[in-house]
Amino acid sequence: MNRKPQALAWIMAAAAFVLTASPALAQKKYDPGASDSESKIGNTNPYSGPASAYGTIGKSITGLLQDAE
């Protein structure tokens, strides 16, 4: 039997594992307002387009949250 295809398959599997595991070792990068212990929660509302009438809800929530601070 020829073992070259089987060895190649193992090498390819090992390479795939190494390439997919490496992003887990990357440094943590957060956007402003986020950390390991705290996150800022915002809202997503349509402020333009056909559903923009619902954007007033988001503006009201934002205004209420700013008044609370």
PDB file of N, CA and C in Angstrom:
ATOM      1  N   MET A   1       0.824  -1.196   0.000  1.00  0.00           N
ATOM      2  CA  MET A   1       0.000   0.000   0.000  1.00  0.00           C
ATOM      3  C   MET A   1       0.863   1.254   0.000  1.00  0.00           C
ATOM      4  N   ASN A   2       0.339   2.257  -0.597  1.00  0.00           N
ATOM      5  CA  ASN A   2       1.039   3.528  -0.668  1.00  0.00           C
ATOM      6  C   ASN A   2       0.562   4.407   0.485  1.00  0.00           C
ATOM      7  N   ARG A   3       1.476   4.816   1.359  1.00  0.00           N
ATOM      8  CA  ARG A   3       1.103   5.594   2.543  1.00  0.00           C
ATOM      9  C   ARG A   3       1.268   7.096   2.342  1.00  0.00           C
ATOM     10  N   LYS A   4       1.724   7.522   1.189  1.00  0.00           N
ATOM     11  CA  LYS A   4       1.919   8.955   0.950  1.00  0.00           C
ATOM     12  C   LYS A   4       0.616   9.746   1.037  1.00  0.00           C
ATOM     13  N   PRO A   5      -0.483   9.314   0.435  1.00  0.00           N
ATOM     14  CA  PRO A   5      -1.719  10.091   0.570  1.00  0.00           C
ATOM     15  C   PRO A   5      -2.204  10.202   2.020  1.00  0.00           C
ATOM     16  N   GLN A   6      -2.030   9.141   2.789  1.00  0.00           N
ATOM     17  CA  GLN A   6      -2.460   9.179   4.189  1.00  0.00           C
ATOM     18  C   GLN A   6      -1.576  10.143   4.988  1.00  0.00           C
ATOM     19  N   ALA A   7      -0.279  10.136   4.743  1.00  0.00           N
ATOM     20  CA  ALA A   7       0.621  11.047   5.439  1.00  0.00           C
ATOM     21  C   ALA A   7       0.328  12.487   5.046  1.00  0.00           C
ATOM     22  N   LEU A   8       0.041  12.706   3.777  1.00  0.00           N
ATOM     23  CA  LEU A   8      -0.301  14.047   3.324  1.00  0.00           C
ATOM     24  C   LEU A   8      -1.581  14.542   3.995  1.00  0.00           C
ATOM     25  N   ALA A   9      -2.539  13.657   4.166  1.00  0.00           N
ATOM     26  CA  ALA A   9      -3.791  14.032   4.831  1.00  0.00           C
ATOM     27  C   ALA A   9      -3.536  14.438   6.278  1.00  0.00           C
ATOM     28  N   TRP A  10      -2.655  13.714   6.969  1.00  0.00           N
ATOM     29  CA  TRP A  10      -2.337  14.063   8.357  1.00  0.00           C
ATOM     30  C   TRP A  10      -1.605  15.409   8.429  1.00  0.00           C
ATOM     31  N   ILE A  11      -0.717  15.647   7.501  1.00  0.00           N
ATOM     32  CA  ILE A  11       0.012  16.921   7.484  1.00  0.00           C
ATOM     33  C   ILE A  11      -0.950  18.077   7.216  1.00  0.00           C
ATOM     34  N   MET A  12      -1.866  17.879   6.283  1.00  0.00           N
ATOM     35  CA  MET A  12      -2.846  18.924   5.980  1.00  0.00           C
ATOM     36  C   MET A  12      -3.762  19.181   7.177  1.00  0.00           C
ATOM     37  N   ALA A  13      -4.160  18.133   7.866  1.00  0.00           N
ATOM     38  CA  ALA A  13      -5.022  18.291   9.048  1.00  0.00           C
ATOM     39  C   ALA A  13      -4.283  19.045  10.147  1.00  0.00           C
ATOM     40  N   ALA A  14      -3.012  18.731  10.355  1.00  0.00           N
ATOM     41  CA  ALA A  14      -2.223  19.425  11.377  1.00  0.00           C
ATOM     42  C   ALA A  14      -2.044  20.899  11.014  1.00  0.00           C
ATOM     43  N   ALA A  15      -1.795  21.170   9.736  1.00  0.00           N
ATOM     44  CA  ALA A  15      -1.637  22.558   9.302  1.00  0.00           C
ATOM     45  C   ALA A  15      -2.940  23.339   9.480  1.00  0.00           C
ATOM     46  N   ALA A  16      -4.059  22.717   9.166  1.00  0.00           N
ATOM     47  CA  ALA A  16      -5.353  23.382   9.347  1.00  0.00           C
ATOM     48  C   ALA A  16      -5.604  23.679  10.816  1.00  0.00           C
ATOM     49  N   PHE A  17      -5.244  22.744  11.690  1.00  0.00           N
ATOM     50  CA  PHE A  17      -5.437  22.959  13.128  1.00  0.00           C
ATOM     51  C   PHE A  17      -4.587  24.119  13.618  1.00  0.00           C
ATOM     52  N   VAL A  18      -3.339  24.176  13.204  1.00  0.00           N
ATOM     53  CA  VAL A  18      -2.438  25.254  13.638  1.00  0.00           C
ATOM     54  C   VAL A  18      -2.942  26.604  13.142  1.00  0.00           C
ATOM     55  N   LEU A  19      -3.399  26.661  11.913  1.00  0.00           N
ATOM     56  CA  LEU A  19      -3.868  27.930  11.364  1.00  0.00           C
ATOM     57  C   LEU A  19      -5.160  28.406  12.007  1.00  0.00           C
ATOM     58  N   THR A  20      -6.036  27.503  12.402  1.00  0.00           N
ATOM     59  CA  THR A  20      -7.290  27.922  13.027  1.00  0.00           C
ATOM     60  C   THR A  20      -7.121  28.194  14.510  1.00  0.00           C
ATOM     61  N   ALA A  21      -6.120  27.629  15.149  1.00  0.00           N
ATOM     62  CA  ALA A  21      -5.924  27.837  16.585  1.00  0.00           C
ATOM     63  C   ALA A  21      -5.149  29.119  16.870  1.00  0.00           C
ATOM     64  N   SER A  22      -4.403  29.639  15.920  1.00  0.00           N
ATOM     65  CA  SER A  22      -3.557  30.798  16.190  1.00  0.00           C
ATOM     66  C   SER A  22      -4.328  32.087  16.501  1.00  0.00           C
ATOM     67  N   PRO A  23      -5.517  32.371  15.937  1.00  0.00           N
ATOM     68  CA  PRO A  23      -6.205  33.600  16.335  1.00  0.00           C
ATOM     69  C   PRO A  23      -6.597  33.625  17.812  1.00  0.00           C
ATOM     70  N   ALA A  24      -6.714  32.485  18.451  1.00  0.00           N
ATOM     71  CA  ALA A  24      -7.064  32.451  19.863  1.00  0.00           C
ATOM     72  C   ALA A  24      -5.951  33.034  20.727  1.00  0.00           C
ATOM     73  N   LEU A  25      -4.756  33.072  20.208  1.00  0.00           N
ATOM     74  CA  LEU A  25      -3.621  33.608  20.956  1.00  0.00           C
ATOM     75  C   LEU A  25      -3.432  35.101  20.740  1.00  0.00           C
ATOM     76  N   ALA A  26      -4.276  35.723  19.960  1.00  0.00           N
ATOM     77  CA  ALA A  26      -4.128  37.142  19.638  1.00  0.00           C
ATOM     78  C   ALA A  26      -4.409  38.014  20.860  1.00  0.00           C
ATOM     79  N   GLN A  27      -3.861  39.217  20.835  1.00  0.00           N
ATOM     80  CA  GLN A  27      -4.081  40.170  21.917  1.00  0.00           C
ATOM     81  C   GLN A  27      -5.524  40.658  21.880  1.00  0.00           C
ATOM     82  N   LYS A  28      -6.097  40.879  23.048  1.00  0.00           N
ATOM     83  CA  LYS A  28      -7.471  41.378  23.125  1.00  0.00           C
ATOM     84  C   LYS A  28      -7.508  42.832  22.695  1.00  0.00           C
ATOM     85  N   LYS A  29      -8.459  43.177  21.843  1.00  0.00           N
ATOM     86  CA  LYS A  29      -8.640  44.553  21.392  1.00  0.00           C
ATOM     87  C   LYS A  29     -10.113  44.892  21.512  1.00  0.00           C
ATOM     88  N   TYR A  30     -10.411  45.941  22.232  1.00  0.00           N
ATOM     89  CA  TYR A  30     -11.785  46.341  22.454  1.00  0.00           C
ATOM     90  C   TYR A  30     -12.044  47.710  21.853  1.00  0.00           C
ATOM     91  N   ASP A  31     -13.287  47.958  21.503  1.00  0.00           N
ATOM     92  CA  ASP A  31     -13.701  49.281  21.085  1.00  0.00           C
ATOM     93  C   ASP A  31     -13.838  50.156  22.328  1.00  0.00           C
ATOM     94  N   PRO A  32     -13.933  51.479  22.162  1.00  0.00           N
ATOM     95  CA  PRO A  32     -14.132  52.342  23.329  1.00  0.00           C
ATOM     96  C   PRO A  32     -15.406  51.965  24.085  1.00  0.00           C
ATOM     97  N   GLY A  33     -15.301  51.903  25.395  1.00  0.00           N
ATOM     98  CA  GLY A  33     -16.453  51.585  26.224  1.00  0.00           C
ATOM     99  C   GLY A  33     -16.573  50.126  26.586  1.00  0.00           C
ATOM    100  N   ALA A  34     -15.647  49.290  26.179  1.00  0.00           N
ATOM    101  CA  ALA A  34     -15.713  47.869  26.495  1.00  0.00           C
ATOM    102  C   ALA A  34     -14.408  47.424  27.143  1.00  0.00           C
ATOM    103  N   SER A  35     -14.519  46.500  28.071  1.00  0.00           N
ATOM    104  CA  SER A  35     -13.356  45.912  28.718  1.00  0.00           C
ATOM    105  C   SER A  35     -13.741  44.508  29.167  1.00  0.00           C
ATOM    106  N   ASP A  36     -12.861  43.840  29.900  1.00  0.00           N
ATOM    107  CA  ASP A  36     -13.188  42.500  30.389  1.00  0.00           C
ATOM    108  C   ASP A  36     -14.313  42.525  31.411  1.00  0.00           C
ATOM    109  N   SER A  37     -14.453  43.633  32.136  1.00  0.00           N
ATOM    110  CA  SER A  37     -15.430  43.673  33.215  1.00  0.00           C
ATOM    111  C   SER A  37     -16.620  44.589  32.950  1.00  0.00           C
ATOM    112  N   GLU A  38     -16.601  45.357  31.858  1.00  0.00           N
ATOM    113  CA  GLU A  38     -17.672  46.327  31.631  1.00  0.00           C
ATOM    114  C   GLU A  38     -17.914  46.512  30.134  1.00  0.00           C
ATOM    115  N   SER A  39     -19.169  46.686  29.772  1.00  0.00           N
ATOM    116  CA  SER A  39     -19.537  46.943  28.381  1.00  0.00           C
ATOM    117  C   SER A  39     -20.592  48.037  28.341  1.00  0.00           C
ATOM    118  N   LYS A  40     -20.511  48.891  27.341  1.00  0.00           N
ATOM    119  CA  LYS A  40     -21.563  49.874  27.122  1.00  0.00           C
ATOM    120  C   LYS A  40     -22.567  49.278  26.154  1.00  0.00           C
ATOM    121  N   ILE A  41     -23.822  49.436  26.474  1.00  0.00           N
ATOM    122  CA  ILE A  41     -24.879  48.892  25.630  1.00  0.00           C
ATOM    123  C   ILE A  41     -25.590  50.057  24.965  1.00  0.00           C
ATOM    124  N   GLY A  42     -25.692  50.003  23.666  1.00  0.00           N
ATOM    125  CA  GLY A  42     -26.368  51.059  22.926  1.00  0.00           C
ATOM    126  C   GLY A  42     -27.630  50.519  22.292  1.00  0.00           C
ATOM    127  N   ASN A  43     -28.120  51.223  21.304  1.00  0.00           N
ATOM    128  CA  ASN A  43     -29.308  50.751  20.605  1.00  0.00           C
ATOM    129  C   ASN A  43     -29.063  50.816  19.107  1.00  0.00           C
ATOM    130  N   THR A  44     -29.813  50.018  18.397  1.00  0.00           N
ATOM    131  CA  THR A  44     -29.746  50.045  16.944  1.00  0.00           C
ATOM    132  C   THR A  44     -31.152  50.304  16.435  1.00  0.00           C
ATOM    133  N   ASN A  45     -31.337  51.471  15.896  1.00  0.00           N
ATOM    134  CA  ASN A  45     -32.620  51.869  15.337  1.00  0.00           C
ATOM    135  C   ASN A  45     -32.395  52.447  13.947  1.00  0.00           C
ATOM    136  N   PRO A  46     -33.407  52.347  13.098  1.00  0.00           N
ATOM    137  CA  PRO A  46     -33.261  52.909  11.747  1.00  0.00           C
ATOM    138  C   PRO A  46     -33.427  54.425  11.777  1.00  0.00           C
ATOM    139  N   TYR A  47     -32.368  55.149  11.452  1.00  0.00           N
ATOM    140  CA  TYR A  47     -32.442  56.603  11.442  1.00  0.00           C
ATOM    141  C   TYR A  47     -32.609  57.153  10.026  1.00  0.00           C
ATOM    142  N   SER A  48     -32.565  56.269   9.041  1.00  0.00           N
ATOM    143  CA  SER A  48     -32.811  56.679   7.667  1.00  0.00           C
ATOM    144  C   SER A  48     -33.440  55.503   6.930  1.00  0.00           C
ATOM    145  N   GLY A  49     -34.012  55.792   5.791  1.00  0.00           N
ATOM    146  CA  GLY A  49     -34.623  54.736   5.006  1.00  0.00           C
ATOM    147  C   GLY A  49     -36.121  54.630   5.261  1.00  0.00           C
ATOM    148  N   PRO A  50     -36.734  53.571   4.740  1.00  0.00           N
ATOM    149  CA  PRO A  50     -38.187  53.456   4.825  1.00  0.00           C
ATOM    150  C   PRO A  50     -38.726  53.299   6.244  1.00  0.00           C
ATOM    151  N   ALA A  51     -37.920  52.784   7.168  1.00  0.00           N
ATOM    152  CA  ALA A  51     -38.398  52.597   8.538  1.00  0.00           C
ATOM    153  C   ALA A  51     -37.904  53.692   9.468  1.00  0.00           C
ATOM    154  N   SER A  52     -37.511  54.848   8.922  1.00  0.00           N
ATOM    155  CA  SER A  52     -36.916  55.900   9.739  1.00  0.00           C
ATOM    156  C   SER A  52     -37.883  56.503  10.752  1.00  0.00           C
ATOM    157  N   ALA A  53     -39.178  56.289  10.589  1.00  0.00           N
ATOM    158  CA  ALA A  53     -40.133  56.797  11.578  1.00  0.00           C
ATOM    159  C   ALA A  53     -39.891  56.159  12.943  1.00  0.00           C
ATOM    160  N   TYR A  54     -39.354  54.943  12.939  1.00  0.00           N
ATOM    161  CA  TYR A  54     -39.054  54.276  14.206  1.00  0.00           C
ATOM    162  C   TYR A  54     -37.774  54.800  14.853  1.00  0.00           C
ATOM    163  N   GLY A  55     -37.032  55.635  14.168  1.00  0.00           N
ATOM    164  CA  GLY A  55     -35.819  56.216  14.718  1.00  0.00           C
ATOM    165  C   GLY A  55     -36.088  57.130  15.893  1.00  0.00           C
ATOM    166  N   THR A  56     -37.280  57.679  15.971  1.00  0.00           N
ATOM    167  CA  THR A  56     -37.608  58.541  17.116  1.00  0.00           C
ATOM    168  C   THR A  56     -37.578  57.754  18.421  1.00  0.00           C
ATOM    169  N   ILE A  57     -37.852  56.461  18.366  1.00  0.00           N
ATOM    170  CA  ILE A  57     -37.777  55.625  19.568  1.00  0.00           C
ATOM    171  C   ILE A  57     -36.337  55.591  20.072  1.00  0.00           C
ATOM    172  N   GLY A  58     -35.401  55.364  19.166  1.00  0.00           N
ATOM    173  CA  GLY A  58     -33.994  55.333  19.552  1.00  0.00           C
ATOM    174  C   GLY A  58     -33.498  56.663  20.074  1.00  0.00           C
ATOM    175  N   LYS A  59     -33.940  57.744  19.463  1.00  0.00           N
ATOM    176  CA  LYS A  59     -33.547  59.068  19.935  1.00  0.00           C
ATOM    177  C   LYS A  59     -34.104  59.339  21.324  1.00  0.00           C
ATOM    178  N   SER A  60     -35.316  58.870  21.593  1.00  0.00           N
ATOM    179  CA  SER A  60     -35.919  59.050  22.921  1.00  0.00           C
ATOM    180  C   SER A  60     -35.159  58.259  23.974  1.00  0.00           C
ATOM    181  N   ILE A  61     -34.807  57.022  23.651  1.00  0.00           N
ATOM    182  CA  ILE A  61     -34.060  56.199  24.599  1.00  0.00           C
ATOM    183  C   ILE A  61     -32.704  56.831  24.892  1.00  0.00           C
ATOM    184  N   THR A  62     -32.022  57.302  23.859  1.00  0.00           N
ATOM    185  CA  THR A  62     -30.724  57.935  24.038  1.00  0.00           C
ATOM    186  C   THR A  62     -30.852  59.171  24.919  1.00  0.00           C
ATOM    187  N   GLY A  63     -31.888  59.969  24.705  1.00  0.00           N
ATOM    188  CA  GLY A  63     -32.108  61.153  25.528  1.00  0.00           C
ATOM    189  C   GLY A  63     -32.379  60.800  26.988  1.00  0.00           C
ATOM    190  N   LEU A  64     -33.150  59.756  27.209  1.00  0.00           N
ATOM    191  CA  LEU A  64     -33.439  59.334  28.582  1.00  0.00           C
ATOM    192  C   LEU A  64     -32.187  58.823  29.280  1.00  0.00           C
ATOM    193  N   LEU A  65     -31.362  58.063  28.565  1.00  0.00           N
ATOM    194  CA  LEU A  65     -30.154  57.531  29.170  1.00  0.00           C
ATOM    195  C   LEU A  65     -29.138  58.635  29.477  1.00  0.00           C
ATOM    196  N   GLN A  66     -29.074  59.657  28.627  1.00  0.00           N
ATOM    197  CA  GLN A  66     -28.153  60.764  28.885  1.00  0.00           C
ATOM    198  C   GLN A  66     -28.609  61.595  30.072  1.00  0.00           C
ATOM    199  N   ASP A  67     -29.919  61.716  30.255  1.00  0.00           N
ATOM    200  CA  ASP A  67     -30.439  62.458  31.404  1.00  0.00           C
ATOM    201  C   ASP A  67     -30.175  61.720  32.698  1.00  0.00           C
ATOM    202  N   ALA A  68     -30.123  60.381  32.654  1.00  0.00           N
ATOM    203  CA  ALA A  68     -29.919  59.577  33.847  1.00  0.00           C
ATOM    204  C   ALA A  68     -28.485  59.655  34.364  1.00  0.00           C
ATOM    205  N   GLU A  69     -27.533  60.005  33.518  1.00  0.00           N
ATOM    206  CA  GLU A  69     -26.130  60.038  33.935  1.00  0.00           C
ATOM    207  C   GLU A  69     -25.795  61.233  34.713  1.00  0.00           C
TER     208      GLU A  69
END
